[in-house]
Amino acid sequence: MDMRFKATKRRRRKFEPRVRVWKFKEEKTCEDYRCRVGGKVEESKWKGLGVNDHWQQMKGIMMETAQDICGMTKVHPDTRKCGGGMRRLLKQLGIRR
């Protein structure tokens, strides 16, 4: 009995910068975040909005504040468009990208 399997390639995900949420482990960062979010929530106008609009506004406030305080991740230096074999070949040929 012969069995054949077709190998599938895993698709690479496009890199998307993310908020550095691990910085919230520090007590000082958490306290600063709470104060800023609280201030922005008090300044916002909440009347006359539906539930989904309230959620979108609150999400925007939280994400914007988290980006300001913690920052965003960056592209890793070893992430390139071509694979390792192609890099070695280009290096051997003396071609720089």
Foldseek 3Di string as FASTA:
>chain_A
DDDDDDDDDDDDDDDDKDQPVVVCVDVVLVVVLVVQLVVVVVVDDDPPDDPVVVVVVSVVSNRVSSCVRRNIDDDDPVDDDDDPVVVVVCVVVVHDD
